[in-house]
Amino acid sequence: MDRKRIAPHEPKAELLSIEDVDSDVASLSEALLEEQAKRIARTVLLRADVRKMLQTLVASGACASQEEAIARGLRTLTAAVSPAW
């Protein structure tokens, strides 16, 4: 059986350092997280009931922004349903 040799794509290219790979992985992870956050935000904010609650919380002064209202709501829910840490 005749074996074919596969030539490297970039034979003179340098190998990436551990730091380069680590940086690339961190960048890709951050990009994926941003895309996930956009999908979640889009899905949640398309709900009229959620938008109304957020507007009410901000208008009442209970929260300075919709982002704060969401974060505080999640912390409150977590504390309510999670065992003491």
PDB file of N, CA and C in Angstrom:
ATOM      1  N   MET A   1       0.844  -1.169   0.000  1.00  0.00           N
ATOM      2  CA  MET A   1       0.000   0.000   0.000  1.00  0.00           C
ATOM      3  C   MET A   1       0.895   1.238   0.000  1.00  0.00           C
ATOM      4  N   ASP A   2       0.604   2.143  -0.884  1.00  0.00           N
ATOM      5  CA  ASP A   2       1.399   3.360  -1.036  1.00  0.00           C
ATOM      6  C   ASP A   2       0.846   4.452  -0.117  1.00  0.00           C
ATOM      7  N   ARG A   3       1.666   4.953   0.783  1.00  0.00           N
ATOM      8  CA  ARG A   3       1.227   6.016   1.706  1.00  0.00           C
ATOM      9  C   ARG A   3       1.549   7.367   1.097  1.00  0.00           C
ATOM     10  N   LYS A   4       0.568   8.249   1.155  1.00  0.00           N
ATOM     11  CA  LYS A   4       0.771   9.610   0.665  1.00  0.00           C
ATOM     12  C   LYS A   4       1.181  10.487   1.824  1.00  0.00           C
ATOM     13  N   ARG A   5       2.070  11.372   1.565  1.00  0.00           N
ATOM     14  CA  ARG A   5       2.530  12.309   2.591  1.00  0.00           C
ATOM     15  C   ARG A   5       1.747  13.608   2.442  1.00  0.00           C
ATOM     16  N   ILE A   6       1.193  14.095   3.539  1.00  0.00           N
ATOM     17  CA  ILE A   6       0.448  15.345   3.519  1.00  0.00           C
ATOM     18  C   ILE A   6       1.407  16.474   3.884  1.00  0.00           C
ATOM     19  N   ALA A   7       1.492  17.438   3.015  1.00  0.00           N
ATOM     20  CA  ALA A   7       2.385  18.573   3.249  1.00  0.00           C
ATOM     21  C   ALA A   7       1.741  19.539   4.229  1.00  0.00           C
ATOM     22  N   PRO A   8       2.533  20.134   5.117  1.00  0.00           N
ATOM     23  CA  PRO A   8       1.981  21.121   6.052  1.00  0.00           C
ATOM     24  C   PRO A   8       1.434  22.316   5.280  1.00  0.00           C
ATOM     25  N   HIS A   9       0.373  22.908   5.818  1.00  0.00           N
ATOM     26  CA  HIS A   9      -0.263  24.047   5.178  1.00  0.00           C
ATOM     27  C   HIS A   9       0.686  25.242   5.093  1.00  0.00           C
ATOM     28  N   GLU A  10       1.342  25.514   6.201  1.00  0.00           N
ATOM     29  CA  GLU A  10       2.303  26.615   6.254  1.00  0.00           C
ATOM     30  C   GLU A  10       3.606  26.065   6.828  1.00  0.00           C
ATOM     31  N   PRO A  11       4.435  25.486   6.004  1.00  0.00           N
ATOM     32  CA  PRO A  11       5.629  24.792   6.517  1.00  0.00           C
ATOM     33  C   PRO A  11       6.596  25.671   7.293  1.00  0.00           C
ATOM     34  N   LYS A  12       6.632  26.962   7.031  1.00  0.00           N
ATOM     35  CA  LYS A  12       7.593  27.834   7.714  1.00  0.00           C
ATOM     36  C   LYS A  12       6.952  28.631   8.851  1.00  0.00           C
ATOM     37  N   ALA A  13       5.708  28.367   9.126  1.00  0.00           N
ATOM     38  CA  ALA A  13       5.002  29.109  10.169  1.00  0.00           C
ATOM     39  C   ALA A  13       5.503  28.692  11.551  1.00  0.00           C
ATOM     40  N   GLU A  14       5.504  29.653  12.457  1.00  0.00           N
ATOM     41  CA  GLU A  14       5.890  29.375  13.840  1.00  0.00           C
ATOM     42  C   GLU A  14       4.715  28.765  14.581  1.00  0.00           C
ATOM     43  N   LEU A  15       5.024  27.916  15.537  1.00  0.00           N
ATOM     44  CA  LEU A  15       3.976  27.382  16.395  1.00  0.00           C
ATOM     45  C   LEU A  15       3.535  28.468  17.362  1.00  0.00           C
ATOM     46  N   LEU A  16       2.280  28.439  17.739  1.00  0.00           N
ATOM     47  CA  LEU A  16       1.776  29.415  18.697  1.00  0.00           C
ATOM     48  C   LEU A  16       2.316  29.107  20.084  1.00  0.00           C
ATOM     49  N   SER A  17       2.590  30.155  20.829  1.00  0.00           N
ATOM     50  CA  SER A  17       3.028  29.958  22.212  1.00  0.00           C
ATOM     51  C   SER A  17       1.809  29.618  23.065  1.00  0.00           C
ATOM     52  N   ILE A  18       2.064  29.152  24.255  1.00  0.00           N
ATOM     53  CA  ILE A  18       0.989  28.837  25.194  1.00  0.00           C
ATOM     54  C   ILE A  18       0.182  30.101  25.480  1.00  0.00           C
ATOM     55  N   GLU A  19       0.872  31.214  25.612  1.00  0.00           N
ATOM     56  CA  GLU A  19       0.203  32.483  25.887  1.00  0.00           C
ATOM     57  C   GLU A  19      -0.705  32.888  24.723  1.00  0.00           C
ATOM     58  N   ASP A  20      -0.231  32.676  23.482  1.00  0.00           N
ATOM     59  CA  ASP A  20      -1.038  32.996  22.303  1.00  0.00           C
ATOM     60  C   ASP A  20      -2.303  32.150  22.258  1.00  0.00           C
ATOM     61  N   VAL A  21      -2.146  30.861  22.521  1.00  0.00           N
ATOM     62  CA  VAL A  21      -3.300  29.955  22.511  1.00  0.00           C
ATOM     63  C   VAL A  21      -4.265  30.353  23.620  1.00  0.00           C
ATOM     64  N   ASP A  22      -3.738  30.639  24.790  1.00  0.00           N
ATOM     65  CA  ASP A  22      -4.562  31.052  25.926  1.00  0.00           C
ATOM     66  C   ASP A  22      -5.344  32.318  25.592  1.00  0.00           C
ATOM     67  N   SER A  23      -4.672  33.266  24.978  1.00  0.00           N
ATOM     68  CA  SER A  23      -5.311  34.520  24.584  1.00  0.00           C
ATOM     69  C   SER A  23      -6.399  34.281  23.539  1.00  0.00           C
ATOM     70  N   ASP A  24      -6.118  33.425  22.563  1.00  0.00           N
ATOM     71  CA  ASP A  24      -7.108  33.106  21.530  1.00  0.00           C
ATOM     72  C   ASP A  24      -8.337  32.434  22.132  1.00  0.00           C
ATOM     73  N   VAL A  25      -8.113  31.500  23.045  1.00  0.00           N
ATOM     74  CA  VAL A  25      -9.225  30.804  23.694  1.00  0.00           C
ATOM     75  C   VAL A  25     -10.054  31.796  24.512  1.00  0.00           C
ATOM     76  N   ALA A  26      -9.397  32.693  25.222  1.00  0.00           N
ATOM     77  CA  ALA A  26     -10.111  33.691  26.020  1.00  0.00           C
ATOM     78  C   ALA A  26     -10.944  34.606  25.123  1.00  0.00           C
ATOM     79  N   SER A  27     -10.372  35.017  23.994  1.00  0.00           N
ATOM     80  CA  SER A  27     -11.100  35.884  23.059  1.00  0.00           C
ATOM     81  C   SER A  27     -12.308  35.171  22.474  1.00  0.00           C
ATOM     82  N   LEU A  28     -12.125  33.921  22.077  1.00  0.00           N
ATOM     83  CA  LEU A  28     -13.243  33.157  21.530  1.00  0.00           C
ATOM     84  C   LEU A  28     -14.318  32.912  22.577  1.00  0.00           C
ATOM     85  N   SER A  29     -13.909  32.621  23.793  1.00  0.00           N
ATOM     86  CA  SER A  29     -14.873  32.397  24.881  1.00  0.00           C
ATOM     87  C   SER A  29     -15.685  33.660  25.139  1.00  0.00           C
ATOM     88  N   GLU A  30     -15.016  34.799  25.145  1.00  0.00           N
ATOM     89  CA  GLU A  30     -15.702  36.075  25.365  1.00  0.00           C
ATOM     90  C   GLU A  30     -16.686  36.366  24.233  1.00  0.00           C
ATOM     91  N   ALA A  31     -16.279  36.099  23.003  1.00  0.00           N
ATOM     92  CA  ALA A  31     -17.166  36.323  21.856  1.00  0.00           C
ATOM     93  C   ALA A  31     -18.398  35.424  21.927  1.00  0.00           C
ATOM     94  N   LEU A  32     -18.199  34.165  22.318  1.00  0.00           N
ATOM     95  CA  LEU A  32     -19.333  33.247  22.461  1.00  0.00           C
ATOM     96  C   LEU A  32     -20.268  33.693  23.578  1.00  0.00           C
ATOM     97  N   LEU A  33     -19.704  34.162  24.676  1.00  0.00           N
ATOM     98  CA  LEU A  33     -20.506  34.644  25.791  1.00  0.00           C
ATOM     99  C   LEU A  33     -21.320  35.873  25.383  1.00  0.00           C
ATOM    100  N   GLU A  34     -20.707  36.767  24.619  1.00  0.00           N
ATOM    101  CA  GLU A  34     -21.422  37.957  24.140  1.00  0.00           C
ATOM    102  C   GLU A  34     -22.594  37.565  23.234  1.00  0.00           C
ATOM    103  N   GLU A  35     -22.385  36.600  22.370  1.00  0.00           N
ATOM    104  CA  GLU A  35     -23.466  36.138  21.489  1.00  0.00           C
ATOM    105  C   GLU A  35     -24.591  35.506  22.297  1.00  0.00           C
ATOM    106  N   GLN A  36     -24.232  34.715  23.302  1.00  0.00           N
ATOM    107  CA  GLN A  36     -25.247  34.097  24.161  1.00  0.00           C
ATOM    108  C   GLN A  36     -26.031  35.176  24.908  1.00  0.00           C
ATOM    109  N   ALA A  37     -25.342  36.187  25.420  1.00  0.00           N
ATOM    110  CA  ALA A  37     -26.003  37.272  26.144  1.00  0.00           C
ATOM    111  C   ALA A  37     -26.975  38.020  25.231  1.00  0.00           C
ATOM    112  N   LYS A  38     -26.571  38.246  23.990  1.00  0.00           N
ATOM    113  CA  LYS A  38     -27.451  38.930  23.032  1.00  0.00           C
ATOM    114  C   LYS A  38     -28.703  38.107  22.767  1.00  0.00           C
ATOM    115  N   ARG A  39     -28.537  36.800  22.593  1.00  0.00           N
ATOM    116  CA  ARG A  39     -29.689  35.920  22.338  1.00  0.00           C
ATOM    117  C   ARG A  39     -30.651  35.930  23.523  1.00  0.00           C
ATOM    118  N   ILE A  40     -30.096  35.814  24.729  1.00  0.00           N
ATOM    119  CA  ILE A  40     -30.934  35.805  25.931  1.00  0.00           C
ATOM    120  C   ILE A  40     -31.649  37.147  26.084  1.00  0.00           C
ATOM    121  N   ALA A  41     -30.915  38.234  25.952  1.00  0.00           N
ATOM    122  CA  ALA A  41     -31.511  39.567  26.096  1.00  0.00           C
ATOM    123  C   ALA A  41     -32.615  39.780  25.067  1.00  0.00           C
ATOM    124  N   ARG A  42     -32.352  39.392  23.847  1.00  0.00           N
ATOM    125  CA  ARG A  42     -33.349  39.561  22.785  1.00  0.00           C
ATOM    126  C   ARG A  42     -34.614  38.771  23.117  1.00  0.00           C
ATOM    127  N   THR A  43     -34.442  37.524  23.535  1.00  0.00           N
ATOM    128  CA  THR A  43     -35.584  36.669  23.859  1.00  0.00           C
ATOM    129  C   THR A  43     -36.380  37.227  25.033  1.00  0.00           C
ATOM    130  N   VAL A  44     -35.684  37.649  26.073  1.00  0.00           N
ATOM    131  CA  VAL A  44     -36.362  38.150  27.271  1.00  0.00           C
ATOM    132  C   VAL A  44     -37.023  39.495  26.996  1.00  0.00           C
ATOM    133  N   LEU A  45     -36.314  40.387  26.330  1.00  0.00           N
ATOM    134  CA  LEU A  45     -36.852  41.735  26.117  1.00  0.00           C
ATOM    135  C   LEU A  45     -37.944  41.790  25.054  1.00  0.00           C
ATOM    136  N   LEU A  46     -38.127  40.728  24.305  1.00  0.00           N
ATOM    137  CA  LEU A  46     -39.241  40.685  23.356  1.00  0.00           C
ATOM    138  C   LEU A  46     -40.573  40.449  24.076  1.00  0.00           C
ATOM    139  N   ARG A  47     -40.503  40.031  25.324  1.00  0.00           N
ATOM    140  CA  ARG A  47     -41.720  39.803  26.110  1.00  0.00           C
ATOM    141  C   ARG A  47     -42.234  41.132  26.656  1.00  0.00           C
ATOM    142  N   ALA A  48     -43.461  41.461  26.294  1.00  0.00           N
ATOM    143  CA  ALA A  48     -44.061  42.736  26.708  1.00  0.00           C
ATOM    144  C   ALA A  48     -44.161  42.842  28.228  1.00  0.00           C
ATOM    145  N   ASP A  49     -44.485  41.738  28.913  1.00  0.00           N
ATOM    146  CA  ASP A  49     -44.618  41.783  30.364  1.00  0.00           C
ATOM    147  C   ASP A  49     -43.293  42.114  31.037  1.00  0.00           C
ATOM    148  N   VAL A  50     -42.210  41.590  30.509  1.00  0.00           N
ATOM    149  CA  VAL A  50     -40.891  41.861  31.077  1.00  0.00           C
ATOM    150  C   VAL A  50     -40.509  43.326  30.840  1.00  0.00           C
ATOM    151  N   ARG A  51     -40.729  43.808  29.634  1.00  0.00           N
ATOM    152  CA  ARG A  51     -40.417  45.224  29.337  1.00  0.00           C
ATOM    153  C   ARG A  51     -41.198  46.150  30.262  1.00  0.00           C
ATOM    154  N   LYS A  52     -42.474  45.837  30.493  1.00  0.00           N
ATOM    155  CA  LYS A  52     -43.316  46.666  31.356  1.00  0.00           C
ATOM    156  C   LYS A  52     -42.788  46.668  32.788  1.00  0.00           C
ATOM    157  N   MET A  53     -42.419  45.484  33.302  1.00  0.00           N
ATOM    158  CA  MET A  53     -41.872  45.413  34.662  1.00  0.00           C
ATOM    159  C   MET A  53     -40.583  46.216  34.785  1.00  0.00           C
ATOM    160  N   LEU A  54     -39.715  46.095  33.792  1.00  0.00           N
ATOM    161  CA  LEU A  54     -38.452  46.834  33.824  1.00  0.00           C
ATOM    162  C   LEU A  54     -38.700  48.339  33.796  1.00  0.00           C
ATOM    163  N   GLN A  55     -39.602  48.771  32.930  1.00  0.00           N
ATOM    164  CA  GLN A  55     -39.926  50.203  32.850  1.00  0.00           C
ATOM    165  C   GLN A  55     -40.494  50.714  34.175  1.00  0.00           C
ATOM    166  N   THR A  56     -41.353  49.906  34.800  1.00  0.00           N
ATOM    167  CA  THR A  56     -41.959  50.287  36.079  1.00  0.00           C
ATOM    168  C   THR A  56     -40.899  50.422  37.163  1.00  0.00           C
ATOM    169  N   LEU A  57     -39.971  49.460  37.226  1.00  0.00           N
ATOM    170  CA  LEU A  57     -38.911  49.507  38.243  1.00  0.00           C
ATOM    171  C   LEU A  57     -38.012  50.728  38.074  1.00  0.00           C
ATOM    172  N   VAL A  58     -37.695  51.061  36.840  1.00  0.00           N
ATOM    173  CA  VAL A  58     -36.836  52.226  36.589  1.00  0.00           C
ATOM    174  C   VAL A  58     -37.609  53.516  36.853  1.00  0.00           C
ATOM    175  N   ALA A  59     -38.845  53.595  36.380  1.00  0.00           N
ATOM    176  CA  ALA A  59     -39.654  54.804  36.562  1.00  0.00           C
ATOM    177  C   ALA A  59     -39.920  55.090  38.042  1.00  0.00           C
ATOM    178  N   SER A  60     -40.064  54.038  38.844  1.00  0.00           N
ATOM    179  CA  SER A  60     -40.344  54.222  40.277  1.00  0.00           C
ATOM    180  C   SER A  60     -39.098  54.630  41.061  1.00  0.00           C
ATOM    181  N   GLY A  61     -37.941  54.480  40.439  1.00  0.00           N
ATOM    182  CA  GLY A  61     -36.698  54.804  41.129  1.00  0.00           C
ATOM    183  C   GLY A  61     -36.141  53.631  41.919  1.00  0.00           C
ATOM    184  N   ALA A  62     -36.821  52.488  41.890  1.00  0.00           N
ATOM    185  CA  ALA A  62     -36.335  51.314  42.614  1.00  0.00           C
ATOM    186  C   ALA A  62     -35.008  50.834  42.042  1.00  0.00           C
ATOM    187  N   CYS A  63     -34.824  51.043  40.741  1.00  0.00           N
ATOM    188  CA  CYS A  63     -33.571  50.679  40.075  1.00  0.00           C
ATOM    189  C   CYS A  63     -33.173  51.822  39.145  1.00  0.00           C
ATOM    190  N   ALA A  64     -31.882  52.019  39.002  1.00  0.00           N
ATOM    191  CA  ALA A  64     -31.393  53.107  38.166  1.00  0.00           C
ATOM    192  C   ALA A  64     -31.472  52.773  36.674  1.00  0.00           C
ATOM    193  N   SER A  65     -31.476  51.481  36.349  1.00  0.00           N
ATOM    194  CA  SER A  65     -31.499  51.076  34.939  1.00  0.00           C
ATOM    195  C   SER A  65     -32.140  49.704  34.810  1.00  0.00           C
ATOM    196  N   GLN A  66     -32.474  49.350  33.593  1.00  0.00           N
ATOM    197  CA  GLN A  66     -33.022  48.022  33.337  1.00  0.00           C
ATOM    198  C   GLN A  66     -31.999  46.943  33.681  1.00  0.00           C
ATOM    199  N   GLU A  67     -30.730  47.215  33.397  1.00  0.00           N
ATOM    200  CA  GLU A  67     -29.668  46.258  33.716  1.00  0.00           C
ATOM    201  C   GLU A  67     -29.600  46.001  35.216  1.00  0.00           C
ATOM    202  N   GLU A  68     -29.703  47.072  35.998  1.00  0.00           N
ATOM    203  CA  GLU A  68     -29.681  46.922  37.452  1.00  0.00           C
ATOM    204  C   GLU A  68     -30.899  46.125  37.919  1.00  0.00           C
ATOM    205  N   ALA A  69     -32.048  46.394  37.345  1.00  0.00           N
ATOM    206  CA  ALA A  69     -33.270  45.679  37.723  1.00  0.00           C
ATOM    207  C   ALA A  69     -33.125  44.186  37.450  1.00  0.00           C
ATOM    208  N   ILE A  70     -32.578  43.833  36.309  1.00  0.00           N
ATOM    209  CA  ILE A  70     -32.390  42.424  35.972  1.00  0.00           C
ATOM    210  C   ILE A  70     -31.405  41.763  36.936  1.00  0.00           C
ATOM    211  N   ALA A  71     -30.273  42.427  37.176  1.00  0.00           N
ATOM    212  CA  ALA A  71     -29.256  41.863  38.073  1.00  0.00           C
ATOM    213  C   ALA A  71     -29.802  41.700  39.492  1.00  0.00           C
ATOM    214  N   ARG A  72     -30.497  42.730  39.995  1.00  0.00           N
ATOM    215  CA  ARG A  72     -31.068  42.635  41.348  1.00  0.00           C
ATOM    216  C   ARG A  72     -32.135  41.558  41.421  1.00  0.00           C
ATOM    217  N   GLY A  73     -32.930  41.442  40.384  1.00  0.00           N
ATOM    218  CA  GLY A  73     -33.966  40.416  40.349  1.00  0.00           C
ATOM    219  C   GLY A  73     -33.374  39.016  40.393  1.00  0.00           C
ATOM    220  N   LEU A  74     -32.297  38.813  39.647  1.00  0.00           N
ATOM    221  CA  LEU A  74     -31.643  37.499  39.648  1.00  0.00           C
ATOM    222  C   LEU A  74     -31.020  37.187  41.005  1.00  0.00           C
ATOM    223  N   ARG A  75     -30.401  38.200  41.624  1.00  0.00           N
ATOM    224  CA  ARG A  75     -29.820  37.980  42.960  1.00  0.00           C
ATOM    225  C   ARG A  75     -30.914  37.630  43.973  1.00  0.00           C
ATOM    226  N   THR A  76     -32.041  38.338  43.892  1.00  0.00           N
ATOM    227  CA  THR A  76     -33.153  38.091  44.807  1.00  0.00           C
ATOM    228  C   THR A  76     -33.722  36.693  44.606  1.00  0.00           C
ATOM    229  N   LEU A  77     -33.932  36.300  43.361  1.00  0.00           N
ATOM    230  CA  LEU A  77     -34.450  34.981  43.072  1.00  0.00           C
ATOM    231  C   LEU A  77     -33.483  33.889  43.526  1.00  0.00           C
ATOM    232  N   THR A  78     -32.206  34.100  43.295  1.00  0.00           N
ATOM    233  CA  THR A  78     -31.204  33.128  43.719  1.00  0.00           C
ATOM    234  C   THR A  78     -31.208  32.960  45.224  1.00  0.00           C
ATOM    235  N   ALA A  79     -31.292  34.082  45.942  1.00  0.00           N
ATOM    236  CA  ALA A  79     -31.316  34.003  47.403  1.00  0.00           C
ATOM    237  C   ALA A  79     -32.584  33.315  47.890  1.00  0.00           C
ATOM    238  N   ALA A  80     -33.684  33.510  47.184  1.00  0.00           N
ATOM    239  CA  ALA A  80     -34.954  32.932  47.610  1.00  0.00           C
ATOM    240  C   ALA A  80     -35.023  31.426  47.394  1.00  0.00           C
ATOM    241  N   VAL A  81     -34.389  30.928  46.344  1.00  0.00           N
ATOM    242  CA  VAL A  81     -34.548  29.509  46.031  1.00  0.00           C
ATOM    243  C   VAL A  81     -33.320  28.659  46.343  1.00  0.00           C
ATOM    244  N   SER A  82     -32.215  29.281  46.678  1.00  0.00           N
ATOM    245  CA  SER A  82     -30.977  28.536  46.956  1.00  0.00           C
ATOM    246  C   SER A  82     -30.789  28.338  48.451  1.00  0.00           C
ATOM    247  N   PRO A  83     -30.187  27.218  48.820  1.00  0.00           N
ATOM    248  CA  PRO A  83     -29.842  27.034  50.233  1.00  0.00           C
ATOM    249  C   PRO A  83     -28.769  28.053  50.638  1.00  0.00           C
ATOM    250  N   ALA A  84     -28.675  28.319  51.904  1.00  0.00           N
ATOM    251  CA  ALA A  84     -27.660  29.280  52.384  1.00  0.00           C
ATOM    252  C   ALA A  84     -26.270  28.821  51.973  1.00  0.00           C
ATOM    253  N   TRP A  85     -25.489  29.734  51.480  1.00  0.00           N
ATOM    254  CA  TRP A  85     -24.128  29.402  51.017  1.00  0.00           C
ATOM    255  C   TRP A  85     -23.182  29.757  52.085  1.00  0.00           C
TER     256      TRP A  85
END
